[in-house]
PDB file of all heavy atoms in Angstrom:
ATOM      1  N   GLN A   1      87.944 124.906  98.354  1.00  0.00           N
ATOM      2  CA  GLN A   1      89.209 124.379  97.833  1.00  0.00           C
ATOM      3  C   GLN A   1      89.449 122.949  98.327  1.00  0.00           C
ATOM      4  O   GLN A   1      89.939 122.094  97.588  1.00  0.00           O
ATOM      5  CB  GLN A   1      90.375 125.278  98.252  1.00  0.00           C
ATOM      6  CG  GLN A   1      90.455 126.584  97.476  1.00  0.00           C
ATOM      7  CD  GLN A   1      91.590 127.474  97.952  1.00  0.00           C
ATOM      8  OE1 GLN A   1      92.283 127.173  98.924  1.00  0.00           O
ATOM      9  NE2 GLN A   1      91.786 128.600  97.277  1.00  0.00           N
ATOM     10  N   LEU A   2      89.083 122.699  99.590  1.00  0.00           N
ATOM     11  CA  LEU A   2      89.255 121.356 100.154  1.00  0.00           C
ATOM     12  C   LEU A   2      88.278 120.366  99.526  1.00  0.00           C
ATOM     13  O   LEU A   2      88.628 119.212  99.262  1.00  0.00           O
ATOM     14  CB  LEU A   2      89.093 121.402 101.672  1.00  0.00           C
ATOM     15  CG  LEU A   2      90.186 122.185 102.410  1.00  0.00           C
ATOM     16  CD1 LEU A   2      89.844 122.333 103.886  1.00  0.00           C
ATOM     17  CD2 LEU A   2      91.535 121.496 102.257  1.00  0.00           C
ATOM     18  N   PHE A   3      87.047 120.801  99.283  1.00  0.00           N
ATOM     19  CA  PHE A   3      86.099 119.943  98.561  1.00  0.00           C
ATOM     20  C   PHE A   3      86.610 119.649  97.145  1.00  0.00           C
ATOM     21  O   PHE A   3      86.483 118.522  96.649  1.00  0.00           O
ATOM     22  CB  PHE A   3      84.721 120.600  98.488  1.00  0.00           C
ATOM     23  CG  PHE A   3      83.829 120.302  99.651  1.00  0.00           C
ATOM     24  CD1 PHE A   3      83.437 121.291 100.528  1.00  0.00           C
ATOM     25  CD2 PHE A   3      83.353 119.014  99.872  1.00  0.00           C
ATOM     26  CE1 PHE A   3      82.597 121.017 101.608  1.00  0.00           C
ATOM     27  CE2 PHE A   3      82.521 118.715 100.940  1.00  0.00           C
ATOM     28  CZ  PHE A   3      82.139 119.723 101.811  1.00  0.00           C
ATOM     29  N   ALA A   4      87.183 120.657  96.508  1.00  0.00           N
ATOM     30  CA  ALA A   4      87.722 120.467  95.154  1.00  0.00           C
ATOM     31  C   ALA A   4      88.857 119.437  95.165  1.00  0.00           C
ATOM     32  O   ALA A   4      89.006 118.643  94.223  1.00  0.00           O
ATOM     33  CB  ALA A   4      88.221 121.797  94.602  1.00  0.00           C
ATOM     34  N   LYS A   5      89.644 119.438  96.220  1.00  0.00           N
ATOM     35  CA  LYS A   5      90.742 118.474  96.350  1.00  0.00           C
ATOM     36  C   LYS A   5      90.185 117.054  96.480  1.00  0.00           C
ATOM     37  O   LYS A   5      90.701 116.110  95.857  1.00  0.00           O
ATOM     38  CB  LYS A   5      91.588 118.829  97.578  1.00  0.00           C
ATOM     39  CG  LYS A   5      92.856 118.027  97.726  1.00  0.00           C
ATOM     40  CD  LYS A   5      93.675 118.567  98.905  1.00  0.00           C
ATOM     41  CE  LYS A   5      94.972 117.800  99.070  1.00  0.00           C
ATOM     42  NZ  LYS A   5      95.769 118.341 100.217  1.00  0.00           N
ATOM     43  N   ILE A   6      89.127 116.910  97.262  1.00  0.00           N
ATOM     44  CA  ILE A   6      88.462 115.610  97.396  1.00  0.00           C
ATOM     45  C   ILE A   6      87.932 115.162  96.038  1.00  0.00           C
ATOM     46  O   ILE A   6      88.102 114.011  95.631  1.00  0.00           O
ATOM     47  CB  ILE A   6      87.311 115.703  98.427  1.00  0.00           C
ATOM     48  CG1 ILE A   6      87.878 115.924  99.834  1.00  0.00           C
ATOM     49  CG2 ILE A   6      86.441 114.442  98.385  1.00  0.00           C
ATOM     50  CD1 ILE A   6      86.821 116.282 100.868  1.00  0.00           C
ATOM     51  N   GLU A   7      87.327 116.095  95.323  1.00  0.00           N
ATOM     52  CA  GLU A   7      86.750 115.785  94.016  1.00  0.00           C
ATOM     53  C   GLU A   7      87.820 115.332  93.023  1.00  0.00           C
ATOM     54  O   GLU A   7      87.617 114.386  92.265  1.00  0.00           O
ATOM     55  CB  GLU A   7      86.013 117.025  93.496  1.00  0.00           C
ATOM     56  CG  GLU A   7      85.083 116.757  92.336  1.00  0.00           C
ATOM     57  CD  GLU A   7      84.144 117.932  92.103  1.00  0.00           C
ATOM     58  OE1 GLU A   7      83.424 118.323  93.041  1.00  0.00           O
ATOM     59  OE2 GLU A   7      84.147 118.456  90.972  1.00  0.00           O
ATOM     60  N   ARG A   8      88.971 116.011  93.034  1.00  0.00           N
ATOM     61  CA  ARG A   8      90.065 115.624  92.123  1.00  0.00           C
ATOM     62  C   ARG A   8      90.541 114.207  92.416  1.00  0.00           C
ATOM     63  O   ARG A   8      90.821 113.424  91.497  1.00  0.00           O
ATOM     64  CB  ARG A   8      91.237 116.600  92.257  1.00  0.00           C
ATOM     65  CG  ARG A   8      91.001 117.942  91.597  1.00  0.00           C
ATOM     66  CD  ARG A   8      92.301 118.711  91.424  1.00  0.00           C
ATOM     67  NE  ARG A   8      92.969 118.953  92.701  1.00  0.00           N
ATOM     68  CZ  ARG A   8      92.733 120.017  93.470  1.00  0.00           C
ATOM     69  NH1 ARG A   8      91.828 120.920  93.109  1.00  0.00           N
ATOM     70  NH2 ARG A   8      93.397 120.173  94.609  1.00  0.00           N
ATOM     71  N   ASN A   9      90.637 113.855  93.688  1.00  0.00           N
ATOM     72  CA  ASN A   9      91.076 112.504  94.050  1.00  0.00           C
ATOM     73  C   ASN A   9      90.085 111.451  93.588  1.00  0.00           C
ATOM     74  O   ASN A   9      90.468 110.344  93.190  1.00  0.00           O
ATOM     75  CB  ASN A   9      91.275 112.410  95.566  1.00  0.00           C
ATOM     76  CG  ASN A   9      92.563 113.076  96.022  1.00  0.00           C
ATOM     77  OD1 ASN A   9      93.567 113.051  95.311  1.00  0.00           O
ATOM     78  ND2 ASN A   9      92.543 113.684  97.191  1.00  0.00           N
ATOM     79  N   ILE A  10      88.794 111.781  93.632  1.00  0.00           N
ATOM     80  CA  ILE A  10      87.780 110.841  93.147  1.00  0.00           C
ATOM     81  C   ILE A  10      87.862 110.696  91.628  1.00  0.00           C
ATOM     82  O   ILE A  10      87.820 109.591  91.090  1.00  0.00           O
ATOM     83  CB  ILE A  10      86.377 111.309  93.570  1.00  0.00           C
ATOM     84  CG1 ILE A  10      86.236 111.257  95.096  1.00  0.00           C
ATOM     85  CG2 ILE A  10      85.304 110.435  92.928  1.00  0.00           C
ATOM     86  CD1 ILE A  10      84.939 111.832  95.621  1.00  0.00           C
ATOM     87  N   ILE A  11      87.987 111.826  90.931  1.00  0.00           N
ATOM     88  CA  ILE A  11      88.055 111.799  89.467  1.00  0.00           C
ATOM     89  C   ILE A  11      89.251 110.990  88.984  1.00  0.00           C
ATOM     90  O   ILE A  11      89.179 110.274  87.974  1.00  0.00           O
ATOM     91  CB  ILE A  11      88.135 113.246  88.910  1.00  0.00           C
ATOM     92  CG1 ILE A  11      86.810 113.979  89.166  1.00  0.00           C
ATOM     93  CG2 ILE A  11      88.439 113.238  87.413  1.00  0.00           C
ATOM     94  CD1 ILE A  11      86.863 115.453  88.852  1.00  0.00           C
ATOM     95  N   ASN A  12      90.363 111.061  89.714  1.00  0.00           N
ATOM     96  CA  ASN A  12      91.592 110.375  89.302  1.00  0.00           C
ATOM     97  C   ASN A  12      91.650 108.914  89.730  1.00  0.00           C
ATOM     98  O   ASN A  12      92.694 108.285  89.652  1.00  0.00           O
ATOM     99  CB  ASN A  12      92.815 111.105  89.882  1.00  0.00           C
ATOM    100  CG  ASN A  12      92.996 112.476  89.252  1.00  0.00           C
ATOM    101  OD1 ASN A  12      92.633 112.685  88.110  1.00  0.00           O
ATOM    102  ND2 ASN A  12      93.544 113.400  90.025  1.00  0.00           N
ATOM    103  N   GLU A  13      90.515 108.391  90.188  1.00  0.00           N
ATOM    104  CA  GLU A  13      90.495 107.023  90.712  1.00  0.00           C
ATOM    105  C   GLU A  13      91.116 106.017  89.745  1.00  0.00           C
ATOM    106  O   GLU A  13      91.929 105.184  90.128  1.00  0.00           O
ATOM    107  CB  GLU A  13      89.057 106.610  91.022  1.00  0.00           C
ATOM    108  CG  GLU A  13      88.948 105.165  91.488  1.00  0.00           C
ATOM    109  CD  GLU A  13      87.501 104.707  91.592  1.00  0.00           C
ATOM    110  OE1 GLU A  13      86.605 105.455  91.178  1.00  0.00           O
ATOM    111  OE2 GLU A  13      87.303 103.590  92.076  1.00  0.00           O
ATOM    112  N   SER A  14      90.753 106.087  88.478  1.00  0.00           N
ATOM    113  CA  SER A  14      91.202 105.084  87.516  1.00  0.00           C
ATOM    114  C   SER A  14      92.688 105.216  87.193  1.00  0.00           C
ATOM    115  O   SER A  14      93.284 104.313  86.639  1.00  0.00           O
ATOM    116  CB  SER A  14      90.376 105.191  86.226  1.00  0.00           C
ATOM    117  OG  SER A  14      90.543 106.482  85.655  1.00  0.00           O
ATOM    118  N   LYS A  15      93.286 106.364  87.548  1.00  0.00           N
ATOM    119  CA  LYS A  15      94.678 106.605  87.200  1.00  0.00           C
ATOM    120  C   LYS A  15      95.632 106.346  88.365  1.00  0.00           C
ATOM    121  O   LYS A  15      96.835 106.373  88.195  1.00  0.00           O
ATOM    122  CB  LYS A  15      94.850 108.065  86.742  1.00  0.00           C
ATOM    123  CG  LYS A  15      93.969 108.443  85.554  1.00  0.00           C
ATOM    124  CD  LYS A  15      94.087 109.923  85.254  1.00  0.00           C
ATOM    125  CE  LYS A  15      93.138 110.329  84.143  1.00  0.00           C
ATOM    126  NZ  LYS A  15      93.183 111.787  83.884  1.00  0.00           N
ATOM    127  N   ASP A  16      95.081 106.113  89.549  1.00  0.00           N
ATOM    128  CA  ASP A  16      95.928 106.016  90.728  1.00  0.00           C
ATOM    129  C   ASP A  16      95.413 104.917  91.647  1.00  0.00           C
ATOM    130  O   ASP A  16      94.305 105.002  92.172  1.00  0.00           O
ATOM    131  CB  ASP A  16      95.926 107.369  91.456  1.00  0.00           C
ATOM    132  CG  ASP A  16      97.013 107.450  92.516  1.00  0.00           C
ATOM    133  OD1 ASP A  16      97.480 106.387  92.972  1.00  0.00           O
ATOM    134  OD2 ASP A  16      97.375 108.573  92.882  1.00  0.00           O
ATOM    135  N   ASN A  17      96.232 103.892  91.862  1.00  0.00           N
ATOM    136  CA  ASN A  17      95.827 102.777  92.711  1.00  0.00           C
ATOM    137  C   ASN A  17      95.762 103.158  94.183  1.00  0.00           C
ATOM    138  O   ASN A  17      95.209 102.433  94.996  1.00  0.00           O
ATOM    139  CB  ASN A  17      96.788 101.598  92.526  1.00  0.00           C
ATOM    140  CG  ASN A  17      96.699 100.994  91.144  1.00  0.00           C
ATOM    141  OD1 ASN A  17      95.627 100.996  90.540  1.00  0.00           O
ATOM    142  ND2 ASN A  17      97.810 100.484  90.644  1.00  0.00           N
ATOM    143  N   ASN A  18      96.356 104.281  94.541  1.00  0.00           N
ATOM    144  CA  ASN A  18      96.369 104.704  95.940  1.00  0.00           C
ATOM    145  C   ASN A  18      95.274 105.727  96.231  1.00  0.00           C
ATOM    146  O   ASN A  18      95.368 106.502  97.178  1.00  0.00           O
ATOM    147  CB  ASN A  18      97.731 105.323  96.284  1.00  0.00           C
ATOM    148  CG  ASN A  18      98.856 104.318  96.136  1.00  0.00           C
ATOM    149  OD1 ASN A  18      98.740 103.184  96.582  1.00  0.00           O
ATOM    150  ND2 ASN A  18      99.938 104.727  95.494  1.00  0.00           N
ATOM    151  N   ILE A  19      94.197 105.704  95.442  1.00  0.00           N
ATOM    152  CA  ILE A  19      93.154 106.717  95.547  1.00  0.00           C
ATOM    153  C   ILE A  19      92.553 106.792  96.942  1.00  0.00           C
ATOM    154  O   ILE A  19      92.326 107.880  97.466  1.00  0.00           O
ATOM    155  CB  ILE A  19      92.048 106.469  94.496  1.00  0.00           C
ATOM    156  CG1 ILE A  19      90.935 107.529  94.604  1.00  0.00           C
ATOM    157  CG2 ILE A  19      91.457 105.087  94.625  1.00  0.00           C
ATOM    158  CD1 ILE A  19      91.377 108.923  94.349  1.00  0.00           C
ATOM    159  N   MET A  20      92.274 105.657  97.580  1.00  0.00           N
ATOM    160  CA  MET A  20      91.599 105.703  98.869  1.00  0.00           C
ATOM    161  C   MET A  20      92.469 106.352  99.940  1.00  0.00           C
ATOM    162  O   MET A  20      91.955 107.052 100.815  1.00  0.00           O
ATOM    163  CB  MET A  20      91.183 104.297  99.307  1.00  0.00           C
ATOM    164  CG  MET A  20      89.957 103.767  98.597  1.00  0.00           C
ATOM    165  SD  MET A  20      88.512 104.887  98.645  1.00  0.00           S
ATOM    166  CE  MET A  20      88.156 104.923 100.391  1.00  0.00           C
ATOM    167  N   VAL A  21      93.784 106.147  99.860  1.00  0.00           N
ATOM    168  CA  VAL A  21      94.681 106.802 100.812  1.00  0.00           C
ATOM    169  C   VAL A  21      94.639 108.311 100.605  1.00  0.00           C
ATOM    170  O   VAL A  21      94.482 109.095 101.555  1.00  0.00           O
ATOM    171  CB  VAL A  21      96.128 106.288 100.667  1.00  0.00           C
ATOM    172  CG1 VAL A  21      97.068 107.077 101.578  1.00  0.00           C
ATOM    173  CG2 VAL A  21      96.195 104.802 101.004  1.00  0.00           C
ATOM    174  N   LYS A  22      94.776 108.740  99.361  1.00  0.00           N
ATOM    175  CA  LYS A  22      94.748 110.168  99.056  1.00  0.00           C
ATOM    176  C   LYS A  22      93.385 110.767  99.390  1.00  0.00           C
ATOM    177  O   LYS A  22      93.296 111.891  99.897  1.00  0.00           O
ATOM    178  CB  LYS A  22      95.054 110.389  97.577  1.00  0.00           C
ATOM    179  CG  LYS A  22      96.491 110.052  97.187  1.00  0.00           C
ATOM    180  CD  LYS A  22      96.715 110.355  95.712  1.00  0.00           C
ATOM    181  CE  LYS A  22      98.163 110.087  95.312  1.00  0.00           C
ATOM    182  NZ  LYS A  22      98.407 110.397  93.890  1.00  0.00           N
ATOM    183  N   LEU A  23      92.335 110.029  99.112  1.00  0.00           N
ATOM    184  CA  LEU A  23      90.985 110.512  99.377  1.00  0.00           C
ATOM    185  C   LEU A  23      90.765 110.692 100.876  1.00  0.00           C
ATOM    186  O   LEU A  23      90.235 111.714 101.325  1.00  0.00           O
ATOM    187  CB  LEU A  23      89.970 109.531  98.796  1.00  0.00           C
ATOM    188  CG  LEU A  23      88.493 109.919  98.879  1.00  0.00           C
ATOM    189  CD1 LEU A  23      88.239 111.287  98.261  1.00  0.00           C
ATOM    190  CD2 LEU A  23      87.642 108.861  98.204  1.00  0.00           C
ATOM    191  N   LYS A  24      91.193 109.711 101.655  1.00  0.00           N
ATOM    192  CA  LYS A  24      91.038 109.814 103.110  1.00  0.00           C
ATOM    193  C   LYS A  24      91.837 110.984 103.665  1.00  0.00           C
ATOM    194  O   LYS A  24      91.351 111.716 104.544  1.00  0.00           O
ATOM    195  CB  LYS A  24      91.476 108.510 103.787  1.00  0.00           C
ATOM    196  CG  LYS A  24      90.486 107.367 103.636  1.00  0.00           C
ATOM    197  CD  LYS A  24      90.964 106.136 104.384  1.00  0.00           C
ATOM    198  CE  LYS A  24      89.988 104.987 104.251  1.00  0.00           C
ATOM    199  NZ  LYS A  24      90.453 103.783 104.970  1.00  0.00           N
ATOM    200  N   LEU A  25      93.032 111.185 103.172  1.00  0.00           N
ATOM    201  CA  LEU A  25      93.858 112.296 103.651  1.00  0.00           C
ATOM    202  C   LEU A  25      93.201 113.643 103.336  1.00  0.00           C
ATOM    203  O   LEU A  25      93.227 114.568 104.161  1.00  0.00           O
ATOM    204  CB  LEU A  25      95.253 112.232 103.028  1.00  0.00           C
ATOM    205  CG  LEU A  25      96.173 111.121 103.543  1.00  0.00           C
ATOM    206  CD1 LEU A  25      97.459 111.065 102.728  1.00  0.00           C
ATOM    207  CD2 LEU A  25      96.498 111.321 105.026  1.00  0.00           C
ATOM    208  N   SER A  26      92.607 113.764 102.157  1.00  0.00           N
ATOM    209  CA  SER A  26      91.954 115.027 101.801  1.00  0.00           C
ATOM    210  C   SER A  26      90.706 115.261 102.649  1.00  0.00           C
ATOM    211  O   SER A  26      90.400 116.399 103.013  1.00  0.00           O
ATOM    212  CB  SER A  26      91.608 115.054 100.307  1.00  0.00           C
ATOM    213  OG  SER A  26      90.756 113.987  99.953  1.00  0.00           O
ATOM    214  N   ILE A  27      89.997 114.184 102.999  1.00  0.00           N
ATOM    215  CA  ILE A  27      88.826 114.326 103.880  1.00  0.00           C
ATOM    216  C   ILE A  27      89.263 114.692 105.292  1.00  0.00           C
ATOM    217  O   ILE A  27      88.634 115.530 105.954  1.00  0.00           O
ATOM    218  CB  ILE A  27      87.983 113.032 103.877  1.00  0.00           C
ATOM    219  CG1 ILE A  27      87.356 112.820 102.496  1.00  0.00           C
ATOM    220  CG2 ILE A  27      86.891 113.103 104.943  1.00  0.00           C
ATOM    221  CD1 ILE A  27      86.664 111.488 102.329  1.00  0.00           C
ATOM    222  N   LEU A  28      90.355 114.089 105.767  1.00  0.00           N
ATOM    223  CA  LEU A  28      90.879 114.431 107.089  1.00  0.00           C
ATOM    224  C   LEU A  28      91.262 115.908 107.162  1.00  0.00           C
ATOM    225  O   LEU A  28      91.023 116.580 108.177  1.00  0.00           O
ATOM    226  CB  LEU A  28      92.098 113.555 107.425  1.00  0.00           C
ATOM    227  CG  LEU A  28      91.817 112.079 107.694  1.00  0.00           C
ATOM    228  CD1 LEU A  28      93.129 111.321 107.901  1.00  0.00           C
ATOM    229  CD2 LEU A  28      90.929 111.905 108.922  1.00  0.00           C
ATOM    230  N   GLU A  29      91.847 116.414 106.089  1.00  0.00           N
ATOM    231  CA  GLU A  29      92.216 117.833 106.049  1.00  0.00           C
ATOM    232  C   GLU A  29      90.965 118.706 106.153  1.00  0.00           C
ATOM    233  O   GLU A  29      90.963 119.731 106.849  1.00  0.00           O
ATOM    234  CB  GLU A  29      92.976 118.137 104.754  1.00  0.00           C
ATOM    235  CG  GLU A  29      93.565 119.527 104.703  1.00  0.00           C
ATOM    236  CD  GLU A  29      94.384 119.782 103.447  1.00  0.00           C
ATOM    237  OE1 GLU A  29      94.511 118.856 102.605  1.00  0.00           O
ATOM    238  OE2 GLU A  29      94.887 120.917 103.301  1.00  0.00           O
ATOM    239  N   LEU A  30      89.890 118.306 105.479  1.00  0.00           N
ATOM    240  CA  LEU A  30      88.635 119.040 105.564  1.00  0.00           C
ATOM    241  C   LEU A  30      88.077 118.997 106.984  1.00  0.00           C
ATOM    242  O   LEU A  30      87.627 120.021 107.520  1.00  0.00           O
ATOM    243  CB  LEU A  30      87.620 118.458 104.580  1.00  0.00           C
ATOM    244  CG  LEU A  30      86.198 119.033 104.651  1.00  0.00           C
ATOM    245  CD1 LEU A  30      86.192 120.522 104.293  1.00  0.00           C
ATOM    246  CD2 LEU A  30      85.248 118.260 103.737  1.00  0.00           C
ATOM    247  N   LEU A  31      88.116 117.823 107.625  1.00  0.00           N
ATOM    248  CA  LEU A  31      87.578 117.682 108.980  1.00  0.00           C
ATOM    249  C   LEU A  31      88.346 118.543 109.980  1.00  0.00           C
ATOM    250  O   LEU A  31      87.751 119.168 110.865  1.00  0.00           O
ATOM    251  CB  LEU A  31      87.612 116.213 109.404  1.00  0.00           C
ATOM    252  CG  LEU A  31      86.613 115.281 108.700  1.00  0.00           C
ATOM    253  CD1 LEU A  31      86.857 113.836 109.102  1.00  0.00           C
ATOM    254  CD2 LEU A  31      85.177 115.685 109.018  1.00  0.00           C
ATOM    255  N   VAL A  32      89.668 118.580 109.850  1.00  0.00           N
ATOM    256  CA  VAL A  32      90.482 119.411 110.750  1.00  0.00           C
ATOM    257  C   VAL A  32      90.120 120.887 110.571  1.00  0.00           C
ATOM    258  O   VAL A  32      89.985 121.639 111.551  1.00  0.00           O
ATOM    259  CB  VAL A  32      91.991 119.188 110.505  1.00  0.00           C
ATOM    260  CG1 VAL A  32      92.817 120.207 111.288  1.00  0.00           C
ATOM    261  CG2 VAL A  32      92.393 117.777 110.916  1.00  0.00           C
ATOM    262  N   THR A  33      89.938 121.304 109.337  1.00  0.00           N
ATOM    263  CA  THR A  33      89.570 122.694 109.060  1.00  0.00           C
ATOM    264  C   THR A  33      88.203 123.024 109.656  1.00  0.00           C
ATOM    265  O   THR A  33      88.017 124.083 110.270  1.00  0.00           O
ATOM    266  CB  THR A  33      89.553 122.944 107.542  1.00  0.00           C
ATOM    267  OG1 THR A  33      90.861 122.711 107.022  1.00  0.00           O
ATOM    268  CG2 THR A  33      89.130 124.372 107.221  1.00  0.00           C
ATOM    269  N   ILE A  34      87.250 122.116 109.500  1.00  0.00           N
ATOM    270  CA  ILE A  34      85.917 122.323 110.071  1.00  0.00           C
ATOM    271  C   ILE A  34      85.994 122.421 111.591  1.00  0.00           C
ATOM    272  O   ILE A  34      85.354 123.284 112.216  1.00  0.00           O
ATOM    273  CB  ILE A  34      84.971 121.186 109.646  1.00  0.00           C
ATOM    274  CG1 ILE A  34      84.622 121.330 108.161  1.00  0.00           C
ATOM    275  CG2 ILE A  34      83.700 121.176 110.484  1.00  0.00           C
ATOM    276  CD1 ILE A  34      83.858 120.160 107.584  1.00  0.00           C
ATOM    277  N   ASN A  35      86.789 121.554 112.210  1.00  0.00           N
ATOM    278  CA  ASN A  35      86.959 121.601 113.664  1.00  0.00           C
ATOM    279  C   ASN A  35      87.522 122.947 114.108  1.00  0.00           C
ATOM    280  O   ASN A  35      87.082 123.524 115.112  1.00  0.00           O
ATOM    281  CB  ASN A  35      87.873 120.470 114.132  1.00  0.00           C
ATOM    282  CG  ASN A  35      87.236 119.100 113.983  1.00  0.00           C
ATOM    283  OD1 ASN A  35      86.019 118.992 113.820  1.00  0.00           O
ATOM    284  ND2 ASN A  35      88.038 118.059 114.025  1.00  0.00           N
ATOM    285  N   GLU A  36      88.490 123.444 113.365  1.00  0.00           N
ATOM    286  CA  GLU A  36      89.087 124.744 113.697  1.00  0.00           C
ATOM    287  C   GLU A  36      88.048 125.863 113.610  1.00  0.00           C
ATOM    288  O   GLU A  36      88.002 126.744 114.470  1.00  0.00           O
ATOM    289  CB  GLU A  36      90.247 125.043 112.741  1.00  0.00           C
ATOM    290  CG  GLU A  36      91.482 124.187 112.978  1.00  0.00           C
ATOM    291  CD  GLU A  36      92.562 124.438 111.936  1.00  0.00           C
ATOM    292  OE1 GLU A  36      92.263 125.092 110.914  1.00  0.00           O
ATOM    293  OE2 GLU A  36      93.693 123.982 112.143  1.00  0.00           O
ATOM    294  N   LEU A  37      87.217 125.816 112.557  1.00  0.00           N
ATOM    295  CA  LEU A  37      86.202 126.853 112.374  1.00  0.00           C
ATOM    296  C   LEU A  37      85.182 126.822 113.505  1.00  0.00           C
ATOM    297  O   LEU A  37      84.779 127.870 114.032  1.00  0.00           O
ATOM    298  CB  LEU A  37      85.502 126.669 111.024  1.00  0.00           C
ATOM    299  CG  LEU A  37      86.359 126.933 109.782  1.00  0.00           C
ATOM    300  CD1 LEU A  37      85.620 126.502 108.519  1.00  0.00           C
ATOM    301  CD2 LEU A  37      86.734 128.406 109.691  1.00  0.00           C
ATOM    302  N   TYR A  38      84.738 125.624 113.898  1.00  0.00           N
ATOM    303  CA  TYR A  38      83.780 125.503 114.987  1.00  0.00           C
ATOM    304  C   TYR A  38      84.390 125.939 116.313  1.00  0.00           C
ATOM    305  O   TYR A  38      83.756 126.647 117.107  1.00  0.00           O
ATOM    306  CB  TYR A  38      83.265 124.062 115.092  1.00  0.00           C
ATOM    307  CG  TYR A  38      81.922 123.870 114.435  1.00  0.00           C
ATOM    308  CD1 TYR A  38      81.827 123.589 113.083  1.00  0.00           C
ATOM    309  CD2 TYR A  38      80.746 123.993 115.153  1.00  0.00           C
ATOM    310  CE1 TYR A  38      80.603 123.426 112.464  1.00  0.00           C
ATOM    311  CE2 TYR A  38      79.514 123.831 114.555  1.00  0.00           C
ATOM    312  CZ  TYR A  38      79.446 123.547 113.203  1.00  0.00           C
ATOM    313  OH  TYR A  38      78.222 123.394 112.594  1.00  0.00           O
ATOM    314  N   GLU A  39      85.629 125.516 116.576  1.00  0.00           N
ATOM    315  CA  GLU A  39      86.296 125.890 117.826  1.00  0.00           C
ATOM    316  C   GLU A  39      86.422 127.405 117.937  1.00  0.00           C
ATOM    317  O   GLU A  39      86.164 127.990 118.994  1.00  0.00           O
ATOM    318  CB  GLU A  39      87.676 125.240 117.902  1.00  0.00           C
ATOM    319  CG  GLU A  39      87.635 123.752 118.220  1.00  0.00           C
ATOM    320  CD  GLU A  39      89.004 123.100 118.086  1.00  0.00           C
ATOM    321  OE1 GLU A  39      89.959 123.801 117.691  1.00  0.00           O
ATOM    322  OE2 GLU A  39      89.104 121.898 118.375  1.00  0.00           O
ATOM    323  N   PHE A  40      86.813 128.048 116.842  1.00  0.00           N
ATOM    324  CA  PHE A  40      86.992 129.494 116.858  1.00  0.00           C
ATOM    325  C   PHE A  40      85.668 130.205 117.133  1.00  0.00           C
ATOM    326  O   PHE A  40      85.597 131.116 117.969  1.00  0.00           O
ATOM    327  CB  PHE A  40      87.558 129.965 115.513  1.00  0.00           C
ATOM    328  CG  PHE A  40      87.680 131.462 115.404  1.00  0.00           C
ATOM    329  CD1 PHE A  40      88.728 132.136 116.005  1.00  0.00           C
ATOM    330  CD2 PHE A  40      86.719 132.194 114.716  1.00  0.00           C
ATOM    331  CE1 PHE A  40      88.831 133.523 115.920  1.00  0.00           C
ATOM    332  CE2 PHE A  40      86.820 133.574 114.624  1.00  0.00           C
ATOM    333  CZ  PHE A  40      87.881 134.238 115.225  1.00  0.00           C
ATOM    334  N   LEU A  41      84.606 129.776 116.442  1.00  0.00           N
ATOM    335  CA  LEU A  41      83.330 130.450 116.599  1.00  0.00           C
ATOM    336  C   LEU A  41      82.747 130.224 117.991  1.00  0.00           C
ATOM    337  O   LEU A  41      82.171 131.133 118.600  1.00  0.00           O
ATOM    338  CB  LEU A  41      82.357 129.977 115.528  1.00  0.00           C
ATOM    339  CG  LEU A  41      81.085 130.806 115.365  1.00  0.00           C
ATOM    340  CD1 LEU A  41      81.420 132.277 115.126  1.00  0.00           C
ATOM    341  CD2 LEU A  41      80.240 130.284 114.227  1.00  0.00           C
ATOM    342  N   ILE A  42      82.893 129.020 118.523  1.00  0.00           N
ATOM    343  CA  ILE A  42      82.377 128.722 119.855  1.00  0.00           C
ATOM    344  C   ILE A  42      83.104 129.544 120.917  1.00  0.00           C
ATOM    345  O   ILE A  42      82.494 130.106 121.829  1.00  0.00           O
ATOM    346  CB  ILE A  42      82.483 127.211 120.153  1.00  0.00           C
ATOM    347  CG1 ILE A  42      81.432 126.453 119.324  1.00  0.00           C
ATOM    348  CG2 ILE A  42      82.276 126.932 121.635  1.00  0.00           C
ATOM    349  CD1 ILE A  42      81.564 124.964 119.367  1.00  0.00           C
ATOM    350  N   LYS A  43      84.434 129.655 120.797  1.00  0.00           N
ATOM    351  CA  LYS A  43      85.194 130.471 121.740  1.00  0.00           C
ATOM    352  C   LYS A  43      84.815 131.942 121.616  1.00  0.00           C
ATOM    353  O   LYS A  43      84.685 132.653 122.609  1.00  0.00           O
ATOM    354  CB  LYS A  43      86.698 130.294 121.489  1.00  0.00           C
ATOM    355  CG  LYS A  43      87.248 128.952 121.942  1.00  0.00           C
ATOM    356  CD  LYS A  43      88.718 128.816 121.588  1.00  0.00           C
ATOM    357  CE  LYS A  43      89.235 127.443 121.988  1.00  0.00           C
ATOM    358  NZ  LYS A  43      90.653 127.246 121.576  1.00  0.00           N
ATOM    359  N   GLU A  44      84.614 132.371 120.390  1.00  0.00           N
ATOM    360  CA  GLU A  44      84.240 133.769 120.156  1.00  0.00           C
ATOM    361  C   GLU A  44      82.889 134.078 120.786  1.00  0.00           C
ATOM    362  O   GLU A  44      82.695 135.111 121.426  1.00  0.00           O
ATOM    363  CB  GLU A  44      84.195 134.026 118.644  1.00  0.00           C
ATOM    364  CG  GLU A  44      84.002 135.490 118.277  1.00  0.00           C
ATOM    365  CD  GLU A  44      83.998 135.678 116.774  1.00  0.00           C
ATOM    366  OE1 GLU A  44      83.077 135.151 116.128  1.00  0.00           O
ATOM    367  OE2 GLU A  44      84.915 136.324 116.252  1.00  0.00           O
TER     368      GLU A  44
END
C-alpha cells in the first residue's frame, strides 16, 4: 500500500507542482514502517 502511494505521487507529477514534497513524505512513511518491522523482528 505504501509503495502504491509512492507510485500515485509519481504518476501525478504533471498535475501537481508539489510532487517532490508529497513523494518524499510517502517515502519517509515507508522508511518508518520498514524500521518498525526490523525493530520488532530483531527484538523478537
